[in-house]
Amino acid sequence: MATVGPTVTRPFAHAFAAYGRQNDRVVSVTNDLTRSSEADVFRTELPDRSYSLGMAEQNLVGVLSGLAREGLEPFYTSFAVFTTRRPYEQIALNVAYPNLPVRLMGFLPGITTPGGVTHQAIDDLALMRNLPNMTVLELADATDVETFWGTVEALPGPLYCRVPRGEVPRLFTEPFELDRVRSLTTGDDLTVVSIGAAVSHASGAIELLRSTGLGVTHLVVSTLKPFGDEEVPRSIERSGRVITVENHLVTGGLGTAVAEVIAELGLNATLRRVGIADTFTHGGSPDYLFGYYGIDTSGIIRAARELVDDPLDGLDLDGPEVRWQSPGVGGSSSEGL
């Protein structure tokens, strides 16, 4: 997918600090990953509202709950796996159950980190979607990161948000809107629904599919809960074929959300879910991992071949145009992990 502007360096870091300057109720809480989770600019500008509580995430969530009960708006920024899986029970009972305005920011989600199974949150969307009261977002580009703050401020309850970090491409010009998909291309033969770091891979595959004459609608999701934009079932019903593409297990995340829409509305459609199968992941560069787990251009085209009547013989799955490199949404950082 071609970017619509230059990449932006650490957009969350600067936007978070700006949000804090505008709202004196905002506080930052980290688990010794302040710079790695882009809370360091906030700490520099607002040191009296910045706290590092160490690698004690279950206790940390209790502190978040207490801060929220005192009328503050606490943000916990960390790697997605430490934001969700490790303190899950505490999030459920101390944050989601009392419906408190705690903001959980998850960086390096899924296989955008080379850190291996201990650092790769491949189930976080499923975990957080299952919590009552929890809003679940995944930001895809710099525009999302810069423009979702009005939505955050308006939420009365808790939020979990996957966030890209480092050098982040600008893919969109339209600002973020809660529970609204973006339609990047339109066509009647196939619907592709993508989210987060998978958007760029999906866009590369769709460009090749459209070059064969296939009409493809590409919908980009930034809100996974709630999930009520009518454009999703409308496009699926029109095409009758849908592929979901996500940097997550194929269960519990985007693929499951779309399957629920198809089943609940009784749509006559066939679904293929492109994502991580029922397996734990291993370490490596994001481009290698996206290819290994079939979430790249080739994997998406293979899924399309299973759905459409046209065999797409003109596309060589081993050719250089298919071995397309993602711009690496959210994966780069001078700090490594």
C-alpha atoms as a PDB file:
ATOM      1  CA  MET A   1       0.000   0.000   0.000  1.00  0.00           C
ATOM      2  CA  ALA A   2       1.396   3.366  -0.942  1.00  0.00           C
ATOM      3  CA  THR A   3       1.680   5.819   1.914  1.00  0.00           C
ATOM      4  CA  VAL A   4      -0.082   9.151   1.627  1.00  0.00           C
ATOM      5  CA  GLY A   5       2.701  11.007   3.389  1.00  0.00           C
ATOM      6  CA  PRO A   6       6.119  10.568   4.986  1.00  0.00           C
ATOM      7  CA  THR A   7       6.543   8.279   7.953  1.00  0.00           C
ATOM      8  CA  VAL A   8       6.146   9.909  11.354  1.00  0.00           C
ATOM      9  CA  THR A   9       8.652   9.347  14.140  1.00  0.00           C
ATOM     10  CA  ARG A  10       7.078   8.166  17.392  1.00  0.00           C
ATOM     11  CA  PRO A  11       3.676   9.801  16.889  1.00  0.00           C
ATOM     12  CA  PHE A  12       2.217   8.281  20.055  1.00  0.00           C
ATOM     13  CA  ALA A  13       4.954   9.760  22.236  1.00  0.00           C
ATOM     14  CA  HIS A  14       4.229  13.312  21.104  1.00  0.00           C
ATOM     15  CA  ALA A  15       0.441  12.951  20.900  1.00  0.00           C
ATOM     16  CA  PHE A  16       0.262  11.434  24.396  1.00  0.00           C
ATOM     17  CA  ALA A  17       2.236  14.325  25.874  1.00  0.00           C
ATOM     18  CA  ALA A  18      -0.009  16.813  24.075  1.00  0.00           C
ATOM     19  CA  TYR A  19      -3.102  15.072  25.411  1.00  0.00           C
ATOM     20  CA  GLY A  20      -1.651  15.241  28.918  1.00  0.00           C
ATOM     21  CA  ARG A  21      -0.941  18.957  28.604  1.00  0.00           C
ATOM     22  CA  GLN A  22      -4.579  19.554  27.661  1.00  0.00           C
ATOM     23  CA  ASN A  23      -6.052  17.413  30.447  1.00  0.00           C
ATOM     24  CA  ASP A  24      -4.628  17.578  33.953  1.00  0.00           C
ATOM     25  CA  ARG A  25      -6.524  14.408  34.939  1.00  0.00           C
ATOM     26  CA  VAL A  26      -4.266  12.278  32.725  1.00  0.00           C
ATOM     27  CA  VAL A  27      -1.490  10.266  34.392  1.00  0.00           C
ATOM     28  CA  SER A  28       1.050   7.862  32.888  1.00  0.00           C
ATOM     29  CA  VAL A  29       1.940   4.508  34.467  1.00  0.00           C
ATOM     30  CA  THR A  30       4.592   2.144  33.085  1.00  0.00           C
ATOM     31  CA  ASN A  31       6.319  -1.093  34.092  1.00  0.00           C
ATOM     32  CA  ASP A  32       9.951  -0.039  33.553  1.00  0.00           C
ATOM     33  CA  LEU A  33       9.345   0.288  29.794  1.00  0.00           C
ATOM     34  CA  THR A  34       8.784   4.033  29.716  1.00  0.00           C
ATOM     35  CA  ARG A  35      10.801   4.846  26.612  1.00  0.00           C
ATOM     36  CA  SER A  36      10.105   1.517  24.894  1.00  0.00           C
ATOM     37  CA  SER A  37       6.371   2.205  25.181  1.00  0.00           C
ATOM     38  CA  GLU A  38       6.761   5.847  24.137  1.00  0.00           C
ATOM     39  CA  ALA A  39       5.765   7.425  27.468  1.00  0.00           C
ATOM     40  CA  ASP A  40       9.120   9.198  27.860  1.00  0.00           C
ATOM     41  CA  VAL A  41       8.058  12.506  26.285  1.00  0.00           C
ATOM     42  CA  PHE A  42       5.105  12.617  28.698  1.00  0.00           C
ATOM     43  CA  ARG A  43       7.514  11.879  31.578  1.00  0.00           C
ATOM     44  CA  THR A  44       9.867  14.665  30.519  1.00  0.00           C
ATOM     45  CA  GLU A  45       7.127  17.268  30.135  1.00  0.00           C
ATOM     46  CA  LEU A  46       4.860  16.130  32.994  1.00  0.00           C
ATOM     47  CA  PRO A  47       7.105  14.375  35.544  1.00  0.00           C
ATOM     48  CA  ASP A  48       4.671  14.875  38.442  1.00  0.00           C
ATOM     49  CA  ARG A  49       2.092  12.776  36.584  1.00  0.00           C
ATOM     50  CA  SER A  50       4.383   9.972  35.429  1.00  0.00           C
ATOM     51  CA  TYR A  51       4.974   6.783  37.425  1.00  0.00           C
ATOM     52  CA  SER A  52       7.135   3.723  36.778  1.00  0.00           C
ATOM     53  CA  LEU A  53       5.971   0.907  39.047  1.00  0.00           C
ATOM     54  CA  GLY A  54       8.368  -1.834  38.021  1.00  0.00           C
ATOM     55  CA  MET A  55       7.754  -5.278  36.584  1.00  0.00           C
ATOM     56  CA  ALA A  56       4.768  -5.990  38.823  1.00  0.00           C
ATOM     57  CA  GLU A  57       1.904  -5.778  36.381  1.00  0.00           C
ATOM     58  CA  GLN A  58      -0.811  -7.303  38.570  1.00  0.00           C
ATOM     59  CA  ASN A  59      -0.118  -4.783  41.318  1.00  0.00           C
ATOM     60  CA  LEU A  60       0.166  -2.043  38.693  1.00  0.00           C
ATOM     61  CA  VAL A  61      -3.394  -2.674  37.497  1.00  0.00           C
ATOM     62  CA  GLY A  62      -4.592  -2.261  41.071  1.00  0.00           C
ATOM     63  CA  VAL A  63      -2.929   1.139  41.128  1.00  0.00           C
ATOM     64  CA  LEU A  64      -4.616   2.042  37.835  1.00  0.00           C
ATOM     65  CA  SER A  65      -7.959   1.147  39.368  1.00  0.00           C
ATOM     66  CA  GLY A  66      -7.280   3.314  42.402  1.00  0.00           C
ATOM     67  CA  LEU A  67      -6.202   6.277  40.300  1.00  0.00           C
ATOM     68  CA  ALA A  68      -9.363   6.013  38.195  1.00  0.00           C
ATOM     69  CA  ARG A  69     -11.558   5.847  41.312  1.00  0.00           C
ATOM     70  CA  GLU A  70      -9.951   9.124  42.436  1.00  0.00           C
ATOM     71  CA  GLY A  71     -11.181  10.845  39.271  1.00  0.00           C
ATOM     72  CA  LEU A  72      -8.013  10.518  37.187  1.00  0.00           C
ATOM     73  CA  GLU A  73      -7.571   9.064  33.698  1.00  0.00           C
ATOM     74  CA  PRO A  74      -4.622   6.646  33.951  1.00  0.00           C
ATOM     75  CA  PHE A  75      -2.779   5.333  30.896  1.00  0.00           C
ATOM     76  CA  TYR A  76      -0.760   2.124  31.179  1.00  0.00           C
ATOM     77  CA  THR A  77       1.683   1.853  28.263  1.00  0.00           C
ATOM     78  CA  SER A  78       3.688  -1.337  27.761  1.00  0.00           C
ATOM     79  CA  PHE A  79       4.228  -4.210  25.351  1.00  0.00           C
ATOM     80  CA  ALA A  80       0.851  -5.709  24.478  1.00  0.00           C
ATOM     81  CA  VAL A  81       1.630  -9.033  26.121  1.00  0.00           C
ATOM     82  CA  PHE A  82       2.418  -7.330  29.444  1.00  0.00           C
ATOM     83  CA  THR A  83      -0.578  -5.008  29.125  1.00  0.00           C
ATOM     84  CA  THR A  84      -3.085  -7.839  28.778  1.00  0.00           C
ATOM     85  CA  ARG A  85      -2.128 -11.452  29.440  1.00  0.00           C
ATOM     86  CA  ARG A  86      -0.063 -11.157  32.614  1.00  0.00           C
ATOM     87  CA  PRO A  87      -2.565  -9.048  34.641  1.00  0.00           C
ATOM     88  CA  TYR A  88      -5.740 -10.347  32.971  1.00  0.00           C
ATOM     89  CA  GLU A  89      -7.646 -11.270  36.130  1.00  0.00           C
ATOM     90  CA  GLN A  90      -6.882  -7.893  37.686  1.00  0.00           C
ATOM     91  CA  ILE A  91      -8.057  -6.094  34.524  1.00  0.00           C
ATOM     92  CA  ALA A  92     -11.289  -8.108  34.545  1.00  0.00           C
ATOM     93  CA  LEU A  93     -12.164  -7.558  38.208  1.00  0.00           C
ATOM     94  CA  ASN A  94     -10.535  -4.220  39.073  1.00  0.00           C
ATOM     95  CA  VAL A  95     -11.028  -2.326  35.794  1.00  0.00           C
ATOM     96  CA  ALA A  96     -13.661  -3.858  33.495  1.00  0.00           C
ATOM     97  CA  TYR A  97     -16.139  -4.982  36.179  1.00  0.00           C
ATOM     98  CA  PRO A  98     -16.371  -1.511  37.818  1.00  0.00           C
ATOM     99  CA  ASN A  99     -16.254   0.078  34.326  1.00  0.00           C
ATOM    100  CA  LEU A 100     -13.418   2.477  35.137  1.00  0.00           C
ATOM    101  CA  PRO A 101     -11.780   4.878  32.623  1.00  0.00           C
ATOM    102  CA  VAL A 102      -8.426   3.067  32.526  1.00  0.00           C
ATOM    103  CA  ARG A 103      -6.512   3.227  29.211  1.00  0.00           C
ATOM    104  CA  LEU A 104      -4.439   0.138  28.375  1.00  0.00           C
ATOM    105  CA  MET A 105      -1.998   0.779  25.512  1.00  0.00           C
ATOM    106  CA  GLY A 106      -0.396  -2.288  23.913  1.00  0.00           C
ATOM    107  CA  PHE A 107       2.762  -1.860  21.827  1.00  0.00           C
ATOM    108  CA  LEU A 108       4.510  -4.464  19.629  1.00  0.00           C
ATOM    109  CA  PRO A 109       1.409  -6.664  19.301  1.00  0.00           C
ATOM    110  CA  GLY A 110       1.455 -10.071  17.694  1.00  0.00           C
ATOM    111  CA  ILE A 111       4.464 -10.801  15.503  1.00  0.00           C
ATOM    112  CA  THR A 112       5.596  -7.188  15.064  1.00  0.00           C
ATOM    113  CA  THR A 113       8.199  -7.983  17.746  1.00  0.00           C
ATOM    114  CA  PRO A 114      11.144 -10.365  17.255  1.00  0.00           C
ATOM    115  CA  GLY A 115      10.985 -11.306  20.953  1.00  0.00           C
ATOM    116  CA  GLY A 116       9.486 -14.759  20.604  1.00  0.00           C
ATOM    117  CA  VAL A 117       6.636 -16.380  22.484  1.00  0.00           C
ATOM    118  CA  THR A 118       7.188 -14.545  25.783  1.00  0.00           C
ATOM    119  CA  HIS A 119       6.801 -11.140  24.119  1.00  0.00           C
ATOM    120  CA  GLN A 120       4.297 -11.842  21.343  1.00  0.00           C
ATOM    121  CA  ALA A 121       0.680 -11.015  22.186  1.00  0.00           C
ATOM    122  CA  ILE A 122      -1.163 -13.152  19.651  1.00  0.00           C
ATOM    123  CA  ASP A 123      -4.306 -13.559  21.785  1.00  0.00           C
ATOM    124  CA  ASP A 124      -4.747 -10.073  23.298  1.00  0.00           C
ATOM    125  CA  LEU A 125      -7.637  -8.982  21.071  1.00  0.00           C
ATOM    126  CA  ALA A 126      -9.553 -12.143  21.933  1.00  0.00           C
ATOM    127  CA  LEU A 127      -8.907 -11.681  25.645  1.00  0.00           C
ATOM    128  CA  MET A 128     -10.002  -8.060  25.699  1.00  0.00           C
ATOM    129  CA  ARG A 129     -13.013  -8.515  23.395  1.00  0.00           C
ATOM    130  CA  ASN A 130     -14.361 -11.018  25.907  1.00  0.00           C
ATOM    131  CA  LEU A 131     -14.411  -8.501  28.766  1.00  0.00           C
ATOM    132  CA  PRO A 132     -17.724  -6.690  29.291  1.00  0.00           C
ATOM    133  CA  ASN A 133     -17.452  -2.867  29.205  1.00  0.00           C
ATOM    134  CA  MET A 134     -14.093  -2.965  27.356  1.00  0.00           C
ATOM    135  CA  THR A 135     -13.649  -0.955  24.144  1.00  0.00           C
ATOM    136  CA  VAL A 136     -11.027  -2.529  21.846  1.00  0.00           C
ATOM    137  CA  LEU A 137      -9.089  -0.618  19.162  1.00  0.00           C
ATOM    138  CA  GLU A 138      -6.142  -1.318  16.884  1.00  0.00           C
ATOM    139  CA  LEU A 139      -4.499   1.705  15.282  1.00  0.00           C
ATOM    140  CA  ALA A 140      -2.981   1.180  11.840  1.00  0.00           C
ATOM    141  CA  ASP A 141      -1.023   4.336  11.034  1.00  0.00           C
ATOM    142  CA  ALA A 142       0.155   7.765  12.184  1.00  0.00           C
ATOM    143  CA  THR A 143      -3.183   9.409  11.381  1.00  0.00           C
ATOM    144  CA  ASP A 144      -4.982   6.959  13.659  1.00  0.00           C
ATOM    145  CA  VAL A 145      -2.465   7.625  16.437  1.00  0.00           C
ATOM    146  CA  GLU A 146      -2.778  11.392  16.108  1.00  0.00           C
ATOM    147  CA  THR A 147      -6.582  11.576  15.856  1.00  0.00           C
ATOM    148  CA  PHE A 148      -8.105   8.969  18.183  1.00  0.00           C
ATOM    149  CA  TRP A 149      -7.722  11.068  21.340  1.00  0.00           C
ATOM    150  CA  GLY A 150     -11.169  12.641  21.140  1.00  0.00           C
ATOM    151  CA  THR A 151     -12.649   9.155  21.164  1.00  0.00           C
ATOM    152  CA  VAL A 152     -10.518   8.228  24.169  1.00  0.00           C
ATOM    153  CA  GLU A 153     -11.594  11.291  26.133  1.00  0.00           C
ATOM    154  CA  ALA A 154     -15.275  10.550  25.491  1.00  0.00           C
ATOM    155  CA  LEU A 155     -15.140   6.931  26.699  1.00  0.00           C
ATOM    156  CA  PRO A 156     -16.620   6.558  30.188  1.00  0.00           C
ATOM    157  CA  GLY A 157     -15.212   3.056  30.655  1.00  0.00           C
ATOM    158  CA  PRO A 158     -12.010   1.097  29.987  1.00  0.00           C
ATOM    159  CA  LEU A 159     -10.095   0.912  26.725  1.00  0.00           C
ATOM    160  CA  TYR A 160      -7.586  -1.529  25.271  1.00  0.00           C
ATOM    161  CA  CYS A 161      -5.706  -0.240  22.238  1.00  0.00           C
ATOM    162  CA  ARG A 162      -2.981  -1.798  20.084  1.00  0.00           C
ATOM    163  CA  VAL A 163      -0.578   0.990  19.077  1.00  0.00           C
ATOM    164  CA  PRO A 164       2.186   1.163  16.440  1.00  0.00           C
ATOM    165  CA  ARG A 165       5.477   2.654  17.578  1.00  0.00           C
ATOM    166  CA  GLY A 166       8.749   3.934  16.159  1.00  0.00           C
ATOM    167  CA  GLU A 167       8.700   5.008  12.510  1.00  0.00           C
ATOM    168  CA  VAL A 168       5.019   4.823  11.611  1.00  0.00           C
ATOM    169  CA  PRO A 169       3.765   5.294   8.029  1.00  0.00           C
ATOM    170  CA  ARG A 170       0.873   7.590   7.214  1.00  0.00           C
ATOM    171  CA  LEU A 171      -1.641   5.475   5.309  1.00  0.00           C
ATOM    172  CA  PHE A 172      -4.809   7.548   5.698  1.00  0.00           C
ATOM    173  CA  THR A 173      -5.889  11.146   5.424  1.00  0.00           C
ATOM    174  CA  GLU A 174      -9.267  10.707   7.136  1.00  0.00           C
ATOM    175  CA  PRO A 175      -9.187  10.953  10.955  1.00  0.00           C
ATOM    176  CA  PHE A 176     -10.044   8.066  13.238  1.00  0.00           C
ATOM    177  CA  GLU A 177     -13.738   7.501  13.998  1.00  0.00           C
ATOM    178  CA  LEU A 178     -15.022   5.037  16.568  1.00  0.00           C
ATOM    179  CA  ASP A 179     -16.697   1.970  15.020  1.00  0.00           C
ATOM    180  CA  ARG A 180     -16.200   3.196  11.461  1.00  0.00           C
ATOM    181  CA  VAL A 181     -14.308   1.243   8.807  1.00  0.00           C
ATOM    182  CA  ARG A 182     -12.355   2.852   5.993  1.00  0.00           C
ATOM    183  CA  SER A 183     -13.019   1.666   2.452  1.00  0.00           C
ATOM    184  CA  LEU A 184      -9.761   1.809   0.473  1.00  0.00           C
ATOM    185  CA  THR A 185     -10.977   0.076  -2.699  1.00  0.00           C
ATOM    186  CA  THR A 186     -14.355  -1.099  -3.963  1.00  0.00           C
ATOM    187  CA  GLY A 187     -15.408  -4.094  -6.041  1.00  0.00           C
ATOM    188  CA  ASP A 188     -18.091  -6.755  -6.230  1.00  0.00           C
ATOM    189  CA  ASP A 189     -16.043  -9.980  -6.469  1.00  0.00           C
ATOM    190  CA  LEU A 190     -14.304 -10.168  -3.092  1.00  0.00           C
ATOM    191  CA  THR A 191     -14.221  -8.359   0.263  1.00  0.00           C
ATOM    192  CA  VAL A 192     -10.977  -8.143   2.229  1.00  0.00           C
ATOM    193  CA  VAL A 193     -11.167  -6.885   5.816  1.00  0.00           C
ATOM    194  CA  SER A 194      -7.837  -6.040   7.466  1.00  0.00           C
ATOM    195  CA  ILE A 195      -6.638  -4.486  10.697  1.00  0.00           C
ATOM    196  CA  GLY A 196      -3.473  -2.962  12.178  1.00  0.00           C
ATOM    197  CA  ALA A 197      -0.108  -4.149  10.918  1.00  0.00           C
ATOM    198  CA  ALA A 198      -1.828  -6.450   8.416  1.00  0.00           C
ATOM    199  CA  VAL A 199      -3.315  -3.529   6.456  1.00  0.00           C
ATOM    200  CA  SER A 200      -0.190  -2.937   4.388  1.00  0.00           C
ATOM    201  CA  HIS A 201       0.168  -6.625   3.514  1.00  0.00           C
ATOM    202  CA  ALA A 202      -3.490  -6.780   2.498  1.00  0.00           C
ATOM    203  CA  SER A 203      -3.122  -3.667   0.351  1.00  0.00           C
ATOM    204  CA  GLY A 204      -0.173  -5.154  -1.520  1.00  0.00           C
ATOM    205  CA  ALA A 205      -2.095  -8.329  -2.255  1.00  0.00           C
ATOM    206  CA  ILE A 206      -5.207  -6.426  -3.331  1.00  0.00           C
ATOM    207  CA  GLU A 207      -3.201  -4.320  -5.768  1.00  0.00           C
ATOM    208  CA  LEU A 208      -2.092  -7.518  -7.491  1.00  0.00           C
ATOM    209  CA  LEU A 209      -5.569  -9.077  -7.390  1.00  0.00           C
ATOM    210  CA  ARG A 210      -7.104  -5.980  -8.942  1.00  0.00           C
ATOM    211  CA  SER A 211      -4.475  -6.060 -11.699  1.00  0.00           C
ATOM    212  CA  THR A 212      -6.081  -9.341 -12.889  1.00  0.00           C
ATOM    213  CA  GLY A 213      -9.455  -7.631 -13.207  1.00  0.00           C
ATOM    214  CA  LEU A 214     -10.848  -8.898  -9.918  1.00  0.00           C
ATOM    215  CA  GLY A 215     -13.120  -6.405  -8.171  1.00  0.00           C
ATOM    216  CA  VAL A 216     -12.011  -6.171  -4.539  1.00  0.00           C
ATOM    217  CA  THR A 217     -13.429  -4.101  -1.702  1.00  0.00           C
ATOM    218  CA  HIS A 218     -10.819  -3.443   0.992  1.00  0.00           C
ATOM    219  CA  LEU A 219     -12.204  -2.464   4.389  1.00  0.00           C
ATOM    220  CA  VAL A 220      -9.835  -1.360   7.145  1.00  0.00           C
ATOM    221  CA  VAL A 221     -11.003  -1.870  10.723  1.00  0.00           C
ATOM    222  CA  SER A 222      -9.721   0.228  13.635  1.00  0.00           C
ATOM    223  CA  THR A 223     -12.492  -0.582  16.148  1.00  0.00           C
ATOM    224  CA  LEU A 224     -12.916  -4.243  17.034  1.00  0.00           C
ATOM    225  CA  LYS A 225     -15.340  -3.676  19.911  1.00  0.00           C
ATOM    226  CA  PRO A 226     -17.927  -2.322  19.300  1.00  0.00           C
ATOM    227  CA  PHE A 227     -18.121  -3.816  15.806  1.00  0.00           C
ATOM    228  CA  GLY A 228     -21.245  -2.436  14.233  1.00  0.00           C
ATOM    229  CA  ASP A 229     -20.410  -0.517  11.064  1.00  0.00           C
ATOM    230  CA  GLU A 230     -23.024  -1.561   8.505  1.00  0.00           C
ATOM    231  CA  GLU A 231     -20.520  -1.248   5.673  1.00  0.00           C
ATOM    232  CA  VAL A 232     -19.029  -4.600   6.721  1.00  0.00           C
ATOM    233  CA  PRO A 233     -22.137  -6.776   6.200  1.00  0.00           C
ATOM    234  CA  ARG A 234     -23.183  -4.674   3.213  1.00  0.00           C
ATOM    235  CA  SER A 235     -19.931  -5.386   1.377  1.00  0.00           C
ATOM    236  CA  ILE A 236     -19.872  -9.053   2.415  1.00  0.00           C
ATOM    237  CA  GLU A 237     -23.430  -9.561   1.193  1.00  0.00           C
ATOM    238  CA  ARG A 238     -22.578  -7.902  -2.137  1.00  0.00           C
ATOM    239  CA  SER A 239     -19.500 -10.024  -2.841  1.00  0.00           C
ATOM    240  CA  GLY A 240     -20.430 -13.279  -1.092  1.00  0.00           C
ATOM    241  CA  ARG A 241     -16.729 -13.911  -0.412  1.00  0.00           C
ATOM    242  CA  VAL A 242     -14.649 -12.417   2.393  1.00  0.00           C
ATOM    243  CA  ILE A 243     -11.063 -12.688   3.633  1.00  0.00           C
ATOM    244  CA  THR A 244     -10.000 -11.335   7.028  1.00  0.00           C
ATOM    245  CA  VAL A 245      -6.337 -10.459   7.565  1.00  0.00           C
ATOM    246  CA  GLU A 246      -4.933  -9.916  11.050  1.00  0.00           C
ATOM    247  CA  ASN A 247      -1.742 -10.009  13.103  1.00  0.00           C
ATOM    248  CA  HIS A 248      -3.388 -12.280  15.681  1.00  0.00           C
ATOM    249  CA  LEU A 249      -4.706 -15.791  16.097  1.00  0.00           C
ATOM    250  CA  VAL A 250      -7.500 -16.475  13.612  1.00  0.00           C
ATOM    251  CA  THR A 251      -9.720 -17.197  16.611  1.00  0.00           C
ATOM    252  CA  GLY A 252     -11.125 -14.467  18.841  1.00  0.00           C
ATOM    253  CA  GLY A 253     -10.046 -11.417  16.876  1.00  0.00           C
ATOM    254  CA  LEU A 254     -11.071  -9.881  13.562  1.00  0.00           C
ATOM    255  CA  GLY A 255     -11.870 -13.192  11.858  1.00  0.00           C
ATOM    256  CA  THR A 256     -14.185 -14.167  14.682  1.00  0.00           C
ATOM    257  CA  ALA A 257     -15.869 -10.752  14.727  1.00  0.00           C
ATOM    258  CA  VAL A 258     -16.615 -11.017  10.988  1.00  0.00           C
ATOM    259  CA  ALA A 259     -17.794 -14.632  11.355  1.00  0.00           C
ATOM    260  CA  GLU A 260     -20.205 -13.482  14.054  1.00  0.00           C
ATOM    261  CA  VAL A 261     -21.618 -10.833  11.715  1.00  0.00           C
ATOM    262  CA  ILE A 262     -22.110 -13.398   8.938  1.00  0.00           C
ATOM    263  CA  ALA A 263     -23.805 -15.887  11.269  1.00  0.00           C
ATOM    264  CA  GLU A 264     -25.979 -13.439  13.183  1.00  0.00           C
ATOM    265  CA  LEU A 265     -27.265 -11.700  10.048  1.00  0.00           C
ATOM    266  CA  GLY A 266     -27.605 -14.946   8.078  1.00  0.00           C
ATOM    267  CA  LEU A 267     -25.434 -13.681   5.221  1.00  0.00           C
ATOM    268  CA  ASN A 268     -24.785 -15.988   2.291  1.00  0.00           C
ATOM    269  CA  ALA A 269     -21.005 -15.692   2.288  1.00  0.00           C
ATOM    270  CA  THR A 270     -17.850 -17.808   2.441  1.00  0.00           C
ATOM    271  CA  LEU A 271     -15.093 -16.711   4.824  1.00  0.00           C
ATOM    272  CA  ARG A 272     -11.347 -17.335   4.817  1.00  0.00           C
ATOM    273  CA  ARG A 273      -9.361 -16.143   7.844  1.00  0.00           C
ATOM    274  CA  VAL A 274      -5.731 -15.159   7.257  1.00  0.00           C
ATOM    275  CA  GLY A 275      -3.783 -14.906  10.491  1.00  0.00           C
ATOM    276  CA  ILE A 276      -1.924 -17.098  12.958  1.00  0.00           C
ATOM    277  CA  ALA A 277      -3.235 -20.654  13.130  1.00  0.00           C
ATOM    278  CA  ASP A 278      -3.587 -22.661  16.350  1.00  0.00           C
ATOM    279  CA  THR A 279       0.070 -22.373  17.313  1.00  0.00           C
ATOM    280  CA  PHE A 280       2.530 -20.460  19.443  1.00  0.00           C
ATOM    281  CA  THR A 281       4.844 -18.205  17.444  1.00  0.00           C
ATOM    282  CA  HIS A 282       8.618 -17.896  17.407  1.00  0.00           C
ATOM    283  CA  GLY A 283      11.094 -15.037  17.042  1.00  0.00           C
ATOM    284  CA  GLY A 284      12.369 -13.314  13.927  1.00  0.00           C
ATOM    285  CA  SER A 285      12.012 -10.116  11.924  1.00  0.00           C
ATOM    286  CA  PRO A 286       8.438  -8.964  11.258  1.00  0.00           C
ATOM    287  CA  ASP A 287       8.734  -9.470   7.484  1.00  0.00           C
ATOM    288  CA  TYR A 288      10.051 -13.010   7.987  1.00  0.00           C
ATOM    289  CA  LEU A 289       7.334 -13.831  10.534  1.00  0.00           C
ATOM    290  CA  PHE A 290       4.482 -12.429   8.439  1.00  0.00           C
ATOM    291  CA  GLY A 291       5.683 -14.638   5.577  1.00  0.00           C
ATOM    292  CA  TYR A 292       6.241 -17.698   7.767  1.00  0.00           C
ATOM    293  CA  TYR A 293       2.731 -17.527   9.198  1.00  0.00           C
ATOM    294  CA  GLY A 294       1.133 -16.742   5.840  1.00  0.00           C
ATOM    295  CA  ILE A 295      -0.071 -13.220   6.623  1.00  0.00           C
ATOM    296  CA  ASP A 296       1.838 -11.724   3.691  1.00  0.00           C
ATOM    297  CA  THR A 297       0.901 -10.985   0.108  1.00  0.00           C
ATOM    298  CA  SER A 298       1.334 -14.608  -0.965  1.00  0.00           C
ATOM    299  CA  GLY A 299      -0.823 -15.944   1.858  1.00  0.00           C
ATOM    300  CA  ILE A 300      -3.638 -13.538   1.059  1.00  0.00           C
ATOM    301  CA  ILE A 301      -3.546 -14.382  -2.658  1.00  0.00           C
ATOM    302  CA  ARG A 302      -3.672 -18.103  -1.806  1.00  0.00           C
ATOM    303  CA  ALA A 303      -6.803 -17.442   0.249  1.00  0.00           C
ATOM    304  CA  ALA A 304      -8.316 -15.512  -2.669  1.00  0.00           C
ATOM    305  CA  ARG A 305      -7.617 -18.425  -5.017  1.00  0.00           C
ATOM    306  CA  GLU A 306      -9.684 -20.670  -2.750  1.00  0.00           C
ATOM    307  CA  LEU A 307     -12.664 -18.325  -2.989  1.00  0.00           C
ATOM    308  CA  VAL A 308     -12.937 -16.835  -6.458  1.00  0.00           C
ATOM    309  CA  ASP A 309     -13.921 -18.523  -9.707  1.00  0.00           C
ATOM    310  CA  ASP A 310     -10.945 -17.058 -11.572  1.00  0.00           C
ATOM    311  CA  PRO A 311      -7.839 -19.231 -10.889  1.00  0.00           C
ATOM    312  CA  LEU A 312      -5.664 -16.081 -10.963  1.00  0.00           C
ATOM    313  CA  ASP A 313      -3.107 -17.931 -13.067  1.00  0.00           C
ATOM    314  CA  GLY A 314      -1.394 -14.670 -13.966  1.00  0.00           C
ATOM    315  CA  LEU A 315      -0.074 -14.281 -10.425  1.00  0.00           C
ATOM    316  CA  ASP A 316       3.172 -16.117  -9.673  1.00  0.00           C
ATOM    317  CA  LEU A 317       3.209 -16.736  -5.910  1.00  0.00           C
ATOM    318  CA  ASP A 318       6.972 -17.080  -6.024  1.00  0.00           C
ATOM    319  CA  GLY A 319       7.587 -13.979  -8.131  1.00  0.00           C
ATOM    320  CA  PRO A 320       9.268 -10.843  -6.784  1.00  0.00           C
ATOM    321  CA  GLU A 321       6.077  -8.791  -7.032  1.00  0.00           C
ATOM    322  CA  VAL A 322       4.411 -11.171  -4.547  1.00  0.00           C
ATOM    323  CA  ARG A 323       7.344 -11.232  -2.165  1.00  0.00           C
ATOM    324  CA  TRP A 324       6.384  -7.696  -1.279  1.00  0.00           C
ATOM    325  CA  GLN A 325       7.890  -6.095   1.801  1.00  0.00           C
ATOM    326  CA  SER A 326       5.635  -4.435   4.362  1.00  0.00           C
ATOM    327  CA  PRO A 327       6.555  -0.920   5.499  1.00  0.00           C
ATOM    328  CA  GLY A 328       6.640  -2.496   8.946  1.00  0.00           C
ATOM    329  CA  VAL A 329       3.742  -0.745  10.630  1.00  0.00           C
ATOM    330  CA  GLY A 330       4.554  -0.317  14.272  1.00  0.00           C
ATOM    331  CA  GLY A 331       7.585  -2.583  14.404  1.00  0.00           C
ATOM    332  CA  SER A 332      10.617  -0.336  14.184  1.00  0.00           C
ATOM    333  CA  SER A 333      12.487   1.198  17.070  1.00  0.00           C
ATOM    334  CA  SER A 334      16.035   2.209  17.809  1.00  0.00           C
ATOM    335  CA  GLU A 335      15.729   0.248  21.050  1.00  0.00           C
ATOM    336  CA  GLY A 336      15.079  -3.172  19.540  1.00  0.00           C
ATOM    337  CA  LEU A 337      12.521  -4.528  21.984  1.00  0.00           C
END
